[in-house]
Amino acid sequence: QVQLVESGGDLVQPGGSLRLSCAASGFTFSSRVMSWYRQAPGKERELVALITSTGGSTNYADSVKGRFTISRDNAKNTVHLQMNSLKPEDTAVYYCHVVRWGKDYWGQGTQVTVSS
């Protein structure tokens, strides 16, 4: 079955950096668009970034453009989110996401807290 396992979340000071990773299994990773979402307390889950199957195209939420970079390694079935210049408003649980057979699949999430 589809499994998405995120890692890399942590407590970081404003201006710091983190790199999130998502290990995927149970589907043909190299053929699927992969996405990162986040959900802050009291807010709806929002799309942060997505990357096409080959990695040739990416898209970002306006709030993270120029600071976050999504990438993938199809040989290792992993997708990453490099987050630089972190702000307190980036604090959230970050989720890896894929759609397969018309169904949304999510990982368990990884907590990112940006605070001094």
Protein backbone atom coordinates (compact mmCIF):
# COMPACT_ATOMS: atom_id res chain seq x y z
CA GLN A 1 0.00 0.00 0.00
CA VAL A 2 1.02 3.63 -0.37
CA GLN A 3 3.30 4.84 2.40
CA LEU A 4 4.73 8.31 2.88
CA VAL A 5 7.13 8.90 5.76
CA GLU A 6 8.29 12.43 6.50
CA SER A 7 11.33 13.39 8.52
CA GLY A 8 13.48 16.42 9.27
CA GLY A 9 11.16 18.64 11.26
CA ASP A 10 12.66 20.48 14.22
CA LEU A 11 12.72 23.63 16.30
CA VAL A 12 14.72 26.33 14.52
CA GLN A 13 15.36 30.02 15.08
CA PRO A 14 14.02 32.65 12.66
CA GLY A 15 16.32 32.93 9.68
CA GLY A 16 17.42 29.34 10.00
CA SER A 17 17.14 26.43 7.59
CA LEU A 18 15.71 22.92 7.58
CA ARG A 19 15.53 20.14 5.03
CA LEU A 20 12.50 17.90 5.10
CA SER A 21 12.46 14.48 3.46
CA CYS A 22 9.66 12.15 2.44
CA ALA A 23 10.32 8.48 1.73
CA ALA A 24 7.66 6.97 -0.53
CA SER A 25 6.68 3.38 -1.27
CA GLY A 26 3.81 1.33 -2.60
CA PHE A 27 3.45 3.06 -5.96
CA THR A 28 5.48 4.01 -9.01
CA PHE A 29 7.11 7.08 -7.53
CA SER A 30 8.74 8.28 -10.74
CA SER A 31 5.39 8.67 -12.46
CA ARG A 32 3.64 10.85 -9.90
CA VAL A 33 3.50 14.51 -9.01
CA MET A 34 4.59 14.94 -5.40
CA SER A 35 3.59 17.77 -3.09
CA TRP A 36 4.30 19.25 0.31
CA TYR A 37 1.46 20.74 2.33
CA ARG A 38 1.43 22.33 5.75
CA GLN A 39 -1.12 22.96 8.45
CA ALA A 40 -0.69 25.52 11.20
CA PRO A 41 -2.78 25.42 14.40
CA GLY A 42 -6.29 26.69 13.73
CA LYS A 43 -5.71 26.98 10.00
CA GLU A 44 -6.57 24.91 6.97
CA ARG A 45 -4.02 22.68 5.30
CA GLU A 46 -2.33 24.55 2.46
CA LEU A 47 -0.20 23.60 -0.53
CA VAL A 48 3.42 24.66 -0.09
CA ALA A 49 5.14 23.21 -3.16
CA LEU A 50 4.77 20.58 -5.84
CA ILE A 51 7.08 18.92 -8.31
CA THR A 52 6.26 17.05 -11.49
CA SER A 53 7.19 13.41 -12.01
CA THR A 54 10.50 14.13 -13.73
CA GLY A 55 11.33 17.10 -11.55
CA GLY A 56 11.24 19.36 -14.58
CA SER A 57 8.65 21.71 -13.20
CA THR A 58 7.90 23.04 -9.74
CA ASN A 59 5.33 25.36 -8.21
CA TYR A 60 5.30 27.22 -4.91
CA ALA A 61 2.92 29.08 -2.67
CA ASP A 62 3.57 32.81 -2.85
CA SER A 63 4.45 32.85 0.84
CA VAL A 64 7.47 30.58 0.33
CA LYS A 65 8.73 31.56 -3.13
CA GLY A 66 12.43 32.34 -3.09
CA ARG A 67 12.92 30.65 0.29
CA PHE A 68 11.84 27.02 -0.21
CA THR A 69 12.99 24.53 -2.84
CA ILE A 70 11.33 21.23 -3.62
CA SER A 71 13.36 18.44 -5.21
CA ARG A 72 13.12 14.71 -5.79
CA ASP A 73 15.33 11.68 -6.28
CA ASN A 74 13.45 9.12 -8.36
CA ALA A 75 16.21 6.55 -7.83
CA LYS A 76 15.60 6.69 -4.07
CA ASN A 77 11.85 7.37 -4.08
CA THR A 78 12.31 10.47 -2.00
CA VAL A 79 11.14 14.06 -2.19
CA HIS A 80 12.72 16.90 -0.25
CA LEU A 81 11.82 20.39 0.84
CA GLN A 82 14.73 22.71 1.53
CA MET A 83 13.51 25.59 3.68
CA ASN A 84 15.70 28.67 4.11
CA SER A 85 15.14 32.02 5.79
CA LEU A 86 12.49 30.48 7.99
CA LYS A 87 9.93 32.73 9.64
CA PRO A 88 7.69 32.18 12.67
CA GLU A 89 4.72 32.00 10.31
CA ASP A 90 6.26 28.89 8.72
CA THR A 91 5.51 27.02 11.93
CA ALA A 92 3.26 24.10 11.04
CA VAL A 93 3.04 20.37 10.57
CA TYR A 94 4.38 19.58 7.11
CA TYR A 95 2.88 16.72 5.11
CA CYS A 96 3.99 14.83 2.04
CA HIS A 97 1.19 14.14 -0.45
CA VAL A 98 0.45 12.08 -3.54
CA VAL A 99 -2.65 11.19 -5.48
CA ARG A 100 -2.99 7.60 -6.64
CA TRP A 101 -6.04 5.92 -8.15
CA GLY A 102 -8.03 9.09 -7.52
CA LYS A 103 -7.32 9.06 -3.80
CA ASP A 104 -5.25 11.43 -1.67
CA TYR A 105 -2.47 9.90 0.41
CA TRP A 106 -0.71 11.71 3.25
CA GLY A 107 2.18 11.00 5.50
CA GLN A 108 1.98 11.33 9.27
CA GLY A 109 3.52 14.80 9.15
CA THR A 110 6.62 16.36 10.64
CA GLN A 111 6.54 19.35 12.99
CA VAL A 112 8.44 22.50 12.07
CA THR A 113 8.60 25.18 14.74
CA VAL A 114 10.28 28.52 14.05
CA SER A 115 10.86 30.42 17.26
CA SER A 116 13.55 32.28 19.14
